[in-house]
Amino acid sequence: MTRRHVGTAIAESLAAHNVKRAYLVPGESFLPVLDGLYDSPIEAIVTRQEGGASYMAEAHGKATGEPGVAMVTRGPGASNAFVGIHTAWQDSTPLVLFVGLIPFPDRDRESFQEFDPKAWFGTQTKQVFILDDPSRASHVVAEAFFQAKQGRPGPVVVGLPEDILHLDFDGEIVQPINVTDGAVSPSDITALSEALRCAERPLIFAGGPRWTPESARQITEFAETNQIPVVHDFRASDRVPFSSPANAGWLGYGRDEKAAALLQDSDLVLAVGAVLGDVSTDGYKLRQGANDRNFFINIDSSLRGNSAAVTRHILASPVAFAEALSEIDAGEVSAAQQQWFADAHAAQVAFSTVQDEADWRPAPEGTAHIESLMRAIQEQAPEDSIYTFGAGNHCIWAQQFMHTNVYPSQFSVRNGSMGYSVPGAVSTKLEFPERTVIAIAGDGEYLMNGQELATALQYGAPYLTVVLSNGEFGTIRDHQKNHFPDRVSGTQLSNPDFAAVARGFGAHGELVTSDAEAAPAVERALQAMREKQIPAVINVIVDQALSLPDND
């Protein structure tokens, strides 16, 4: 019989927490954990870089509400994984990162790949554990998962000294610790009902963590019944379906002016799961009145990141709030509110509809309009498609035109971290194999983690990446134009043919250099994903001057 060491206990503890996959780059510092996974039901997803592993774990946390699991080695491995930790911290995503460490006797001697986990990760995690006692291995896993999920979710790091992992384990496997969703009290119900009955222009501001498909459905139904527009937080546009008459758009970079006006003009905001931070308020400009009426339904007792006045804080998750909705009496809907509701959705539909071709600015020969790709995806992608994207100007296109109709279906980053689109697509496709997953990437962002295409092929995760290739880091170039016009410096790129590179990996590749090629390329790519079960890459050559939507 195989010896039961601490690494085995960790694998068994992860299984007790219903972990399906661990995203990792192997290292000699945690070999016993890899050995523990050998007989485990947990699938070890071997990625090509630790940043990809931590991004995949972060996407899993967003997709399921359960902590995504990543495993990396000490020093360089931990530093590469930090990007996913910062993303999970600012996005409030449950994630547990296991980091192999040097043996105890080698500590504080500048040993090979030595670092201090608490010094490195202490400001960007909810907690950092160091497994010093082999008998507590399973306890530490349970505590790490609890901390990652409770209250406002976030990342937790567990340091695993190499020598501890090799020791025998004869303890019990600790079961998961339950996390509370909070509650909406009778006095909260009364206050909400009175506030809604008095409001003429109520608004729901939706976002943040701790949502489920059922709570999203219930809150959508409540908003529709009581004709309350819903504006979404930055990178959280999937809480209410695009097709719902309650959907009034989203806030943040590239948002519609009319969505911002809704927030500013509302006489009552119910912020469900989200806070009014700097991005949603245009850098602390919107909704900053001391007398604004804002109810925050949020499980985070600190409301960390909020900048707006707080009329009432209800300590509850979106799940607990959704369960209490049947008790709220919002009163009769006035004619003025009906118009407020209808106008809000009409503006969102107009903003997220691709313009007629006659209104497109001319594109140079050998390039395509991004609009042609957006339209082809809108027309051909299934209703429940998932969209992933990272950071950069290309994200504005994905945010504006990729219609999300099922929760969860939008996976992106609130911290502006590049390189997320491909790892996010791999992870979400593994979690939702029956759904179509489409990544929208810029050429600068794509090569930061495009190598995870190999991971997708290895583990059977067919997704589509649309690479918008304009030969520059577009967001920084735009800022450069504002501050240093006509002085192009440090922003230009020389690209390979990403379609040809994809074919070299064994994926399907399409090159689009004209509008006429867009729709057939999308059709062939989706067909290859369905029939051959392989990923696809569409490389779209785009003129730099046409890299942003024309919303004038």
Protein backbone atom coordinates (compact mmCIF):
# COMPACT_ATOMS: atom_id res chain seq x y z
CA MET A 1 0.00 0.00 0.00
CA THR A 2 1.28 3.49 -0.86
CA ARG A 3 2.59 5.39 2.17
CA ARG A 4 0.25 8.15 3.33
CA HIS A 5 2.35 11.30 3.53
CA VAL A 6 1.37 14.93 3.98
CA GLY A 7 1.14 15.41 0.21
CA THR A 8 -1.48 12.65 0.12
CA ALA A 9 -3.42 14.37 2.91
CA ILE A 10 -3.51 17.60 0.94
CA ALA A 11 -4.82 15.82 -2.15
CA GLU A 12 -7.46 14.02 -0.07
CA SER A 13 -8.46 17.31 1.54
CA LEU A 14 -8.89 18.95 -1.85
CA ALA A 15 -11.09 16.03 -2.92
CA ALA A 16 -13.16 16.52 0.25
CA HIS A 17 -13.73 20.10 -0.93
CA ASN A 18 -15.00 18.78 -4.29
CA VAL A 19 -12.06 20.19 -6.23
CA LYS A 20 -12.21 18.92 -9.81
CA ARG A 21 -8.95 20.35 -11.15
CA ALA A 22 -5.69 21.81 -9.94
CA TYR A 23 -3.91 24.13 -12.37
CA LEU A 24 -0.18 23.84 -11.97
CA VAL A 25 3.37 24.04 -13.17
CA PRO A 26 5.25 21.18 -11.47
CA GLY A 27 8.16 21.76 -9.13
CA GLU A 28 10.42 19.57 -7.04
CA SER A 29 9.40 21.52 -3.94
CA PHE A 30 5.92 19.91 -3.87
CA LEU A 31 6.52 16.46 -5.34
CA PRO A 32 4.53 14.70 -2.56
CA VAL A 33 1.46 16.72 -3.51
CA LEU A 34 1.87 15.63 -7.14
CA ASP A 35 2.22 12.07 -5.85
CA GLY A 36 -0.96 12.53 -3.82
CA LEU A 37 -2.82 13.60 -6.93
CA TYR A 38 -1.80 10.36 -8.69
CA ASP A 39 -4.58 8.32 -7.04
CA SER A 40 -6.91 11.30 -6.63
CA PRO A 41 -10.09 12.08 -8.62
CA ILE A 42 -8.63 15.57 -9.09
CA GLU A 43 -7.34 16.26 -12.59
CA ALA A 44 -3.91 17.90 -12.69
CA ILE A 45 -3.97 20.49 -15.48
CA VAL A 46 -0.33 21.10 -16.38
CA THR A 47 -0.01 24.62 -17.76
CA ARG A 48 2.88 26.25 -19.60
CA GLN A 49 3.50 29.17 -17.22
CA GLU A 50 2.51 29.90 -13.64
CA GLY A 51 0.68 33.08 -14.65
CA GLY A 52 -1.55 30.94 -16.86
CA ALA A 53 -2.15 28.53 -13.98
CA SER A 54 -3.19 31.25 -11.55
CA TYR A 55 -5.39 32.94 -14.17
CA MET A 56 -7.12 29.62 -14.86
CA ALA A 57 -7.72 29.10 -11.15
CA GLU A 58 -9.10 32.65 -10.91
CA ALA A 59 -11.50 32.03 -13.81
CA HIS A 60 -12.65 28.83 -12.11
CA GLY A 61 -13.42 30.82 -8.96
CA LYS A 62 -15.49 33.27 -10.99
CA ALA A 63 -17.29 30.46 -12.81
CA THR A 64 -18.28 28.40 -9.78
CA GLY A 65 -18.04 30.55 -6.66
CA GLU A 66 -15.73 27.86 -5.27
CA PRO A 67 -12.00 28.51 -4.85
CA GLY A 68 -9.92 27.79 -7.91
CA VAL A 69 -6.75 25.87 -7.08
CA ALA A 70 -3.29 26.58 -8.45
CA MET A 71 0.01 24.95 -7.52
CA VAL A 72 3.45 26.40 -8.19
CA THR A 73 6.96 26.09 -6.89
CA ARG A 74 9.00 28.53 -4.79
CA GLY A 75 10.73 31.71 -5.93
CA PRO A 76 10.29 32.14 -9.69
CA GLY A 77 7.13 30.04 -9.80
CA ALA A 78 5.51 32.06 -7.03
CA SER A 79 6.48 35.36 -8.65
CA ASN A 80 4.96 34.31 -11.98
CA ALA A 81 1.73 33.30 -10.23
CA PHE A 82 1.41 36.67 -8.49
CA VAL A 83 -0.52 38.14 -11.43
CA GLY A 84 -3.45 35.83 -10.70
CA ILE A 85 -3.30 36.69 -7.00
CA HIS A 86 -3.59 40.42 -7.68
CA THR A 87 -6.43 39.76 -10.12
CA ALA A 88 -8.32 37.65 -7.57
CA TRP A 89 -7.73 40.32 -4.88
CA GLN A 90 -9.20 43.18 -6.91
CA ASP A 91 -11.92 41.02 -8.47
CA SER A 92 -12.98 39.43 -5.14
CA THR A 93 -12.50 35.91 -6.51
CA PRO A 94 -12.00 32.85 -4.29
CA LEU A 95 -8.64 31.25 -5.08
CA VAL A 96 -6.18 29.09 -3.17
CA LEU A 97 -2.58 29.06 -4.34
CA PHE A 98 -0.33 26.29 -3.01
CA VAL A 99 3.35 27.20 -3.15
CA GLY A 100 6.17 24.75 -2.54
CA LEU A 101 8.82 26.16 -0.19
CA ILE A 102 12.37 25.38 0.81
CA PRO A 103 12.91 22.89 3.66
CA PHE A 104 12.77 24.23 7.21
CA PRO A 105 16.48 23.82 7.96
CA ASP A 106 17.34 25.96 4.93
CA ARG A 107 15.18 28.92 5.94
CA ASP A 108 16.73 32.40 6.28
CA ARG A 109 19.99 31.30 4.66
CA GLU A 110 19.43 32.71 1.16
CA SER A 111 18.75 29.20 -0.06
CA PHE A 112 18.00 28.34 -3.66
CA GLN A 113 14.73 30.07 -4.68
CA GLU A 114 14.02 31.17 -1.11
CA PHE A 115 11.49 33.95 -0.48
CA ASP A 116 9.19 35.08 2.31
CA PRO A 117 5.57 34.19 1.37
CA LYS A 118 4.02 36.49 3.96
CA ALA A 119 6.13 39.45 2.87
CA TRP A 120 5.39 38.82 -0.81
CA PHE A 121 1.70 38.00 -0.61
CA GLY A 122 0.61 39.54 2.69
CA THR A 123 -0.92 42.71 1.24
CA GLN A 124 -2.75 41.02 -1.65
CA THR A 125 -4.34 38.02 0.00
CA LYS A 126 -6.89 37.40 2.71
CA GLN A 127 -4.42 35.18 4.52
CA VAL A 128 -1.08 33.42 4.06
CA PHE A 129 -0.68 30.03 5.76
CA ILE A 130 2.62 28.21 6.24
CA LEU A 131 2.18 24.49 6.93
CA ASP A 132 4.60 24.01 9.84
CA ASP A 133 2.89 21.06 11.53
CA PRO A 134 2.22 17.93 9.43
CA SER A 135 -0.70 16.93 11.66
CA ARG A 136 -2.52 20.13 10.68
CA ALA A 137 -2.27 19.64 6.92
CA SER A 138 -5.97 18.99 6.37
CA HIS A 139 -6.98 21.70 8.86
CA VAL A 140 -4.95 24.27 6.93
CA VAL A 141 -6.62 23.30 3.64
CA ALA A 142 -10.07 23.66 5.20
CA GLU A 143 -9.20 27.01 6.77
CA ALA A 144 -7.72 28.27 3.50
CA PHE A 145 -10.88 27.40 1.57
CA PHE A 146 -13.06 28.99 4.24
CA GLN A 147 -11.07 32.24 4.21
CA ALA A 148 -11.11 32.35 0.39
CA LYS A 149 -14.93 32.12 0.36
CA GLN A 150 -16.21 33.90 3.47
CA GLY A 151 -17.31 37.54 3.42
CA ARG A 152 -15.81 39.27 0.42
CA PRO A 153 -14.03 36.38 -1.35
CA GLY A 154 -10.40 36.59 -2.36
CA PRO A 155 -7.11 34.75 -2.73
CA VAL A 156 -5.36 32.73 -0.03
CA VAL A 157 -1.82 31.36 -0.20
CA VAL A 158 -0.69 28.13 1.45
CA GLY A 159 3.09 27.67 1.76
CA LEU A 160 4.25 24.04 1.74
CA PRO A 161 7.78 23.44 3.07
CA GLU A 162 9.30 20.62 1.08
CA ASP A 163 10.44 18.54 4.06
CA ILE A 164 7.04 18.74 5.80
CA LEU A 165 5.31 17.30 2.73
CA HIS A 166 7.40 14.11 2.90
CA LEU A 167 6.44 13.33 6.50
CA ASP A 168 3.84 10.72 7.42
CA PHE A 169 0.24 11.79 7.99
CA ASP A 170 -2.07 9.80 10.25
CA GLY A 171 -4.73 12.40 11.02
CA GLU A 172 -8.33 12.86 9.88
CA ILE A 173 -9.42 14.68 6.74
CA VAL A 174 -11.25 17.86 7.75
CA GLN A 175 -14.53 18.54 5.98
CA PRO A 176 -15.41 21.93 4.42
CA ILE A 177 -16.36 24.77 6.76
CA ASN A 178 -19.70 26.32 5.89
CA VAL A 179 -19.81 29.96 4.77
CA THR A 180 -22.74 32.24 5.63
CA ASP A 181 -24.66 34.23 3.03
CA GLY A 182 -25.82 36.75 5.63
CA ALA A 183 -29.48 37.69 5.81
CA VAL A 184 -32.02 40.38 5.01
CA SER A 185 -33.78 41.23 8.29
CA PRO A 186 -37.44 42.27 8.70
CA SER A 187 -36.32 45.84 9.32
CA ASP A 188 -34.26 45.68 6.12
CA ILE A 189 -37.35 44.50 4.23
CA THR A 190 -39.35 47.40 5.61
CA ALA A 191 -36.65 49.93 4.74
CA LEU A 192 -36.25 48.57 1.21
CA SER A 193 -39.99 48.56 0.60
CA GLU A 194 -40.43 52.12 1.84
CA ALA A 195 -37.47 53.38 -0.18
CA LEU A 196 -38.72 51.75 -3.39
CA ARG A 197 -42.28 53.01 -2.95
CA CYS A 198 -40.96 56.57 -2.57
CA ALA A 199 -38.53 56.40 -5.50
CA GLU A 200 -39.38 57.75 -8.94
CA ARG A 201 -36.13 56.74 -10.58
CA PRO A 202 -34.89 53.59 -8.81
CA LEU A 203 -31.82 51.78 -10.14
CA ILE A 204 -30.15 48.46 -9.35
CA PHE A 205 -26.36 48.48 -9.60
CA ALA A 206 -25.28 44.83 -9.93
CA GLY A 207 -21.89 43.17 -9.73
CA GLY A 208 -19.33 41.69 -7.39
CA PRO A 209 -18.99 38.12 -6.13
CA ARG A 210 -21.23 35.52 -4.51
CA TRP A 211 -23.82 35.33 -7.34
CA THR A 212 -25.37 32.10 -8.60
CA PRO A 213 -27.44 31.39 -11.73
CA GLU A 214 -30.54 31.17 -9.54
CA SER A 215 -29.94 34.46 -7.71
CA ALA A 216 -29.26 36.17 -11.06
CA ARG A 217 -32.58 34.82 -12.37
CA GLN A 218 -34.51 35.91 -9.27
CA ILE A 219 -33.05 39.43 -9.24
CA THR A 220 -33.72 39.78 -12.97
CA GLU A 221 -37.34 38.77 -12.43
CA PHE A 222 -37.70 41.26 -9.55
CA ALA A 223 -36.25 44.08 -11.67
CA GLU A 224 -38.53 43.26 -14.60
CA THR A 225 -41.66 42.95 -12.47
CA ASN A 226 -41.05 46.23 -10.68
CA GLN A 227 -39.57 47.96 -13.75
CA ILE A 228 -36.25 48.89 -12.17
CA PRO A 229 -33.35 49.31 -14.62
CA VAL A 230 -30.17 47.38 -13.86
CA VAL A 231 -26.78 48.88 -14.59
CA HIS A 232 -23.84 46.52 -14.20
CA ASP A 233 -20.49 47.11 -12.60
CA PHE A 234 -17.27 47.09 -14.63
CA ARG A 235 -16.63 43.64 -16.18
CA ALA A 236 -19.80 42.19 -14.61
CA SER A 237 -22.37 42.51 -17.39
CA ASP A 238 -23.80 39.00 -17.12
CA ARG A 239 -25.92 39.32 -13.95
CA VAL A 240 -29.00 40.34 -15.97
CA PRO A 241 -29.34 38.99 -19.53
CA PHE A 242 -28.68 41.39 -22.36
CA SER A 243 -32.10 40.54 -23.75
CA SER A 244 -33.90 41.41 -20.51
CA PRO A 245 -35.94 44.65 -20.58
CA ALA A 246 -34.27 45.47 -17.24
CA ASN A 247 -30.76 45.51 -18.71
CA ALA A 248 -29.55 49.11 -18.85
CA GLY A 249 -25.88 48.57 -19.63
CA TRP A 250 -22.70 48.84 -17.61
CA LEU A 251 -20.30 51.32 -16.09
CA GLY A 252 -16.55 51.67 -16.41
CA TYR A 253 -14.16 52.27 -19.27
CA GLY A 254 -15.91 52.68 -22.62
CA ARG A 255 -19.39 52.86 -21.08
CA ASP A 256 -22.34 54.66 -22.63
CA GLU A 257 -22.96 58.21 -21.44
CA LYS A 258 -26.60 57.28 -20.87
CA ALA A 259 -25.63 54.52 -18.43
CA ALA A 260 -23.57 57.02 -16.45
CA ALA A 261 -26.52 59.42 -16.47
CA LEU A 262 -28.74 56.72 -14.97
CA LEU A 263 -26.41 56.37 -12.01
CA GLN A 264 -26.12 60.10 -11.56
CA ASP A 265 -29.84 60.86 -11.91
CA SER A 266 -31.30 57.98 -9.91
CA ASP A 267 -33.05 58.94 -6.67
CA LEU A 268 -32.42 55.47 -5.20
CA VAL A 269 -29.62 53.03 -5.97
CA LEU A 270 -29.71 49.43 -4.74
CA ALA A 271 -26.14 48.20 -5.09
CA VAL A 272 -26.34 44.41 -5.09
CA GLY A 273 -23.00 42.68 -4.54
CA ALA A 274 -21.03 45.67 -5.80
CA VAL A 275 -19.67 48.94 -4.45
CA LEU A 276 -19.33 52.28 -6.19
CA GLY A 277 -15.58 52.38 -6.66
CA ASP A 278 -13.30 54.52 -8.78
CA VAL A 279 -13.88 52.81 -12.15
CA SER A 280 -17.68 52.70 -11.94
CA THR A 281 -17.79 56.35 -10.83
CA ASP A 282 -15.38 57.68 -13.49
CA GLY A 283 -12.61 58.30 -11.01
CA TYR A 284 -14.80 59.35 -8.06
CA LYS A 285 -16.88 61.82 -10.09
CA LEU A 286 -20.28 60.09 -10.42
CA ARG A 287 -22.68 59.57 -7.52
CA GLN A 288 -20.55 61.40 -4.97
CA GLY A 289 -23.29 63.50 -3.34
CA ALA A 290 -23.43 63.34 0.45
CA ASN A 291 -27.22 63.09 0.36
CA ASP A 292 -27.53 60.45 -2.37
CA ARG A 293 -29.72 57.52 -1.33
CA ASN A 294 -27.72 54.32 -1.74
CA PHE A 295 -28.62 50.96 -0.25
CA PHE A 296 -25.73 48.47 -0.31
CA ILE A 297 -26.64 44.79 -0.21
CA ASN A 298 -23.18 43.38 0.31
CA ILE A 299 -21.67 40.57 2.40
CA ASP A 300 -18.46 42.57 2.89
CA SER A 301 -18.84 44.27 6.28
CA SER A 302 -16.12 46.79 5.36
CA LEU A 303 -17.56 47.78 1.93
CA ARG A 304 -13.94 48.00 0.85
CA GLY A 305 -13.48 50.21 -2.19
CA ASN A 306 -16.76 52.08 -1.89
CA SER A 307 -16.70 55.85 -2.50
CA ALA A 308 -20.39 56.76 -2.31
CA ALA A 309 -22.69 57.71 0.52
CA VAL A 310 -24.22 54.78 2.40
CA THR A 311 -27.87 55.16 3.37
CA ARG A 312 -28.14 51.59 4.59
CA HIS A 313 -25.81 48.59 4.49
CA ILE A 314 -27.55 45.20 4.43
CA LEU A 315 -25.06 42.48 5.26
CA ALA A 316 -26.16 39.86 2.76
CA SER A 317 -24.90 38.17 -0.37
CA PRO A 318 -26.83 38.35 -3.66
CA VAL A 319 -28.10 34.84 -2.83
CA ALA A 320 -29.60 35.93 0.50
CA PHE A 321 -31.02 39.08 -1.09
CA ALA A 322 -32.63 37.07 -3.90
CA GLU A 323 -34.28 34.76 -1.37
CA ALA A 324 -35.86 37.77 0.39
CA LEU A 325 -37.22 39.50 -2.72
CA SER A 326 -40.70 38.00 -2.42
CA GLU A 327 -41.16 39.92 0.85
CA ILE A 328 -40.33 43.33 -0.63
CA ASP A 329 -43.30 45.49 -1.62
CA ALA A 330 -42.08 48.05 -4.15
CA GLY A 331 -45.55 49.55 -4.65
CA GLU A 332 -47.20 50.59 -7.88
CA VAL A 333 -45.07 51.50 -10.90
CA SER A 334 -45.79 55.07 -12.00
CA ALA A 335 -45.97 56.15 -15.64
CA ALA A 336 -42.79 58.16 -15.14
CA GLN A 337 -40.95 55.09 -13.82
CA GLN A 338 -42.23 52.99 -16.72
CA GLN A 339 -40.69 55.51 -19.11
CA TRP A 340 -37.44 55.60 -17.10
CA PHE A 341 -37.31 51.80 -17.34
CA ALA A 342 -38.07 51.59 -21.07
CA ASP A 343 -35.68 54.37 -22.06
CA ALA A 344 -32.84 52.79 -20.10
CA HIS A 345 -33.07 49.47 -21.94
CA ALA A 346 -33.58 51.10 -25.33
CA ALA A 347 -30.37 53.06 -24.86
CA GLN A 348 -28.48 49.88 -23.96
CA VAL A 349 -29.75 48.04 -27.05
CA ALA A 350 -28.78 50.93 -29.32
CA PHE A 351 -25.33 51.20 -27.74
CA SER A 352 -24.63 47.46 -28.13
CA THR A 353 -25.84 47.13 -31.72
CA VAL A 354 -23.22 47.16 -34.48
CA GLN A 355 -23.70 50.14 -36.80
CA ASP A 356 -24.78 49.71 -40.40
CA GLU A 357 -21.90 49.22 -42.81
CA ALA A 358 -22.70 52.53 -44.47
CA ASP A 359 -21.64 54.26 -41.23
CA TRP A 360 -18.26 52.52 -40.96
CA ARG A 361 -15.19 54.60 -41.61
CA PRO A 362 -13.20 53.31 -44.61
CA ALA A 363 -10.62 50.64 -43.80
CA PRO A 364 -7.31 50.44 -45.67
CA GLU A 365 -6.82 47.54 -48.06
CA GLY A 366 -5.58 44.42 -46.31
CA THR A 367 -7.45 45.20 -43.09
CA ALA A 368 -10.92 44.44 -41.74
CA HIS A 369 -13.34 46.38 -39.59
CA ILE A 370 -13.68 44.97 -36.10
CA GLU A 371 -17.41 45.58 -36.54
CA SER A 372 -17.51 42.80 -39.14
CA LEU A 373 -16.18 40.29 -36.59
CA MET A 374 -18.47 41.52 -33.83
CA ARG A 375 -21.49 41.18 -36.10
CA ALA A 376 -20.48 37.70 -37.27
CA ILE A 377 -20.09 36.54 -33.68
CA GLN A 378 -23.42 38.08 -32.65
CA GLU A 379 -25.14 36.27 -35.51
CA GLN A 380 -23.41 32.88 -35.19
CA ALA A 381 -22.51 32.35 -31.54
CA PRO A 382 -25.00 30.38 -29.43
CA GLU A 383 -27.21 32.24 -26.95
CA ASP A 384 -25.32 30.86 -23.93
CA SER A 385 -21.81 31.59 -25.21
CA ILE A 386 -19.07 32.54 -22.75
CA TYR A 387 -16.76 35.47 -23.48
CA THR A 388 -13.32 36.01 -21.98
CA PHE A 389 -11.01 38.99 -22.35
CA GLY A 390 -8.19 40.61 -20.45
CA ALA A 391 -7.17 44.26 -20.70
CA GLY A 392 -6.64 46.74 -23.52
CA ASN A 393 -8.65 48.62 -26.12
CA HIS A 394 -9.90 45.38 -27.64
CA CYS A 395 -11.86 44.75 -24.43
CA ILE A 396 -14.12 47.71 -25.16
CA TRP A 397 -15.36 45.85 -28.25
CA ALA A 398 -15.96 42.67 -26.27
CA GLN A 399 -17.70 44.54 -23.46
CA GLN A 400 -19.93 46.51 -25.79
CA PHE A 401 -20.90 43.97 -28.44
CA MET A 402 -20.60 40.47 -26.96
CA HIS A 403 -24.12 39.90 -25.65
CA THR A 404 -24.22 37.93 -22.41
CA ASN A 405 -27.50 36.12 -21.79
CA VAL A 406 -26.67 33.40 -19.26
CA TYR A 407 -24.94 33.78 -15.91
CA PRO A 408 -22.00 33.28 -15.81
CA SER A 409 -20.89 34.28 -19.30
CA GLN A 410 -18.45 37.21 -18.98
CA PHE A 411 -14.96 36.52 -17.65
CA SER A 412 -12.55 39.41 -17.49
CA VAL A 413 -10.41 41.36 -15.05
CA ARG A 414 -11.17 44.45 -13.01
CA ASN A 415 -7.49 45.16 -12.31
CA GLY A 416 -6.54 45.80 -15.95
CA SER A 417 -4.29 42.74 -16.08
CA MET A 418 -3.28 41.59 -19.56
CA GLY A 419 -2.90 37.97 -20.64
CA TYR A 420 -6.16 36.69 -19.11
CA SER A 421 -8.21 35.94 -22.23
CA VAL A 422 -6.64 32.59 -23.22
CA PRO A 423 -6.21 31.05 -19.72
CA GLY A 424 -9.73 32.22 -18.87
CA ALA A 425 -11.05 30.50 -21.99
CA VAL A 426 -9.25 27.23 -21.21
CA SER A 427 -10.56 27.12 -17.64
CA THR A 428 -14.15 28.03 -18.46
CA LYS A 429 -14.30 25.55 -21.33
CA LEU A 430 -13.13 22.77 -19.00
CA GLU A 431 -15.79 23.79 -16.48
CA PHE A 432 -18.57 24.23 -19.07
CA PRO A 433 -17.71 21.77 -21.88
CA GLU A 434 -21.20 22.04 -23.40
CA ARG A 435 -20.95 25.80 -23.97
CA THR A 436 -19.15 27.79 -26.68
CA VAL A 437 -16.27 29.84 -25.30
CA ILE A 438 -14.92 32.84 -27.23
CA ALA A 439 -11.85 34.83 -26.19
CA ILE A 440 -11.36 38.34 -27.53
CA ALA A 441 -7.68 39.30 -27.43
CA GLY A 442 -5.46 42.07 -28.63
CA ASP A 443 -2.16 41.23 -30.29
CA GLY A 444 -0.24 42.61 -27.30
CA GLU A 445 -2.32 40.67 -24.81
CA TYR A 446 -2.46 37.43 -26.79
CA LEU A 447 1.25 36.66 -26.69
CA MET A 448 1.39 37.11 -22.92
CA ASN A 449 -0.31 33.73 -22.42
CA GLY A 450 -1.12 32.48 -25.91
CA GLN A 451 1.07 29.46 -25.25
CA GLU A 452 -1.75 28.03 -23.13
CA LEU A 453 -3.26 27.01 -26.46
CA ALA A 454 -1.07 23.94 -25.97
CA THR A 455 -2.79 23.30 -22.64
CA ALA A 456 -6.18 23.52 -24.32
CA LEU A 457 -5.16 20.96 -26.92
CA GLN A 458 -3.68 18.63 -24.32
CA TYR A 459 -6.83 18.57 -22.18
CA GLY A 460 -9.50 18.85 -24.86
CA ALA A 461 -10.76 22.40 -24.39
CA PRO A 462 -11.87 23.69 -27.81
CA TYR A 463 -12.48 27.44 -27.68
CA LEU A 464 -12.22 30.31 -30.17
CA THR A 465 -9.77 33.18 -29.87
CA VAL A 466 -10.29 36.29 -32.00
CA VAL A 467 -7.02 38.23 -32.09
CA LEU A 468 -7.44 41.87 -33.05
CA SER A 469 -4.04 42.60 -34.59
CA ASN A 470 -3.31 46.32 -34.91
CA GLY A 471 0.45 46.19 -34.24
CA GLU A 472 0.51 48.22 -31.05
CA PHE A 473 -0.33 48.40 -27.37
CA GLY A 474 -3.39 50.46 -28.22
CA THR A 475 -4.46 51.70 -24.80
CA ILE A 476 -1.02 53.07 -23.99
CA ARG A 477 -0.71 54.54 -27.47
CA ASP A 478 -4.00 56.39 -26.95
CA HIS A 479 -2.74 57.85 -23.68
CA GLN A 480 0.48 58.72 -25.46
CA LYS A 481 -1.45 60.66 -28.10
CA ASN A 482 -3.04 62.75 -25.37
CA HIS A 483 0.20 63.59 -23.59
CA PHE A 484 2.86 63.37 -26.30
CA PRO A 485 1.15 63.67 -29.71
CA ASP A 486 3.12 62.57 -32.78
CA ARG A 487 5.87 61.06 -30.61
CA VAL A 488 5.37 57.28 -30.94
CA SER A 489 7.63 55.55 -28.43
CA GLY A 490 7.62 52.11 -26.87
CA THR A 491 4.15 51.06 -28.03
CA GLN A 492 4.56 49.43 -31.46
CA LEU A 493 4.57 45.68 -32.18
CA SER A 494 5.70 43.35 -34.95
CA ASN A 495 3.50 40.26 -35.08
CA PRO A 496 3.63 36.76 -36.52
CA ASP A 497 0.61 35.38 -38.33
CA PHE A 498 -1.26 34.11 -35.29
CA ALA A 499 -3.41 31.86 -37.50
CA ALA A 500 -0.35 30.08 -38.88
CA VAL A 501 1.10 29.76 -35.38
CA ALA A 502 -2.19 28.22 -34.21
CA ARG A 503 -2.04 25.65 -37.00
CA GLY A 504 1.47 24.80 -35.87
CA PHE A 505 0.05 23.99 -32.44
CA GLY A 506 -2.54 21.71 -34.06
CA ALA A 507 -5.44 24.16 -33.79
CA HIS A 508 -7.61 25.65 -36.52
CA GLY A 509 -6.32 28.98 -37.86
CA GLU A 510 -8.00 31.72 -39.94
CA LEU A 511 -6.51 34.96 -41.27
CA VAL A 512 -8.97 37.82 -41.92
CA THR A 513 -7.81 40.78 -44.00
CA SER A 514 -11.15 42.06 -45.30
CA ASP A 515 -14.73 42.39 -44.12
CA ALA A 516 -15.93 39.77 -46.62
CA GLU A 517 -13.72 37.16 -44.93
CA ALA A 518 -15.08 37.73 -41.41
CA ALA A 519 -18.35 35.77 -41.35
CA PRO A 520 -17.01 32.70 -43.24
CA ALA A 521 -13.97 32.61 -40.93
CA VAL A 522 -16.17 32.59 -37.83
CA GLU A 523 -18.36 29.88 -39.36
CA ARG A 524 -15.38 27.63 -40.18
CA ALA A 525 -13.80 28.21 -36.78
CA LEU A 526 -16.97 27.29 -34.88
CA GLN A 527 -17.39 24.24 -37.12
CA ALA A 528 -13.84 23.06 -36.39
CA MET A 529 -14.47 23.43 -32.67
CA ARG A 530 -17.66 21.36 -32.88
CA GLU A 531 -16.59 18.67 -35.30
CA LYS A 532 -12.86 18.30 -34.66
CA GLN A 533 -12.97 19.33 -31.00
CA ILE A 534 -9.93 21.58 -31.40
CA PRO A 535 -9.39 25.23 -30.50
CA ALA A 536 -9.51 27.87 -33.23
CA VAL A 537 -7.75 31.20 -33.71
CA ILE A 538 -8.95 33.99 -36.01
CA ASN A 539 -6.24 36.57 -36.67
CA VAL A 540 -7.90 39.82 -37.77
CA ILE A 541 -5.67 42.48 -39.30
CA VAL A 542 -6.93 45.86 -38.08
CA ASP A 543 -5.94 49.41 -38.90
CA GLN A 544 -4.66 51.30 -35.87
CA ALA A 545 -6.95 54.25 -36.53
CA LEU A 546 -10.02 51.98 -36.39
CA SER A 547 -9.21 50.11 -33.18
CA LEU A 548 -11.88 51.74 -31.01
CA PRO A 549 -15.68 51.74 -31.44
CA ASP A 550 -17.06 54.89 -33.01
CA ASN A 551 -19.71 56.00 -30.53
CA ASP A 552 -19.97 59.61 -31.61
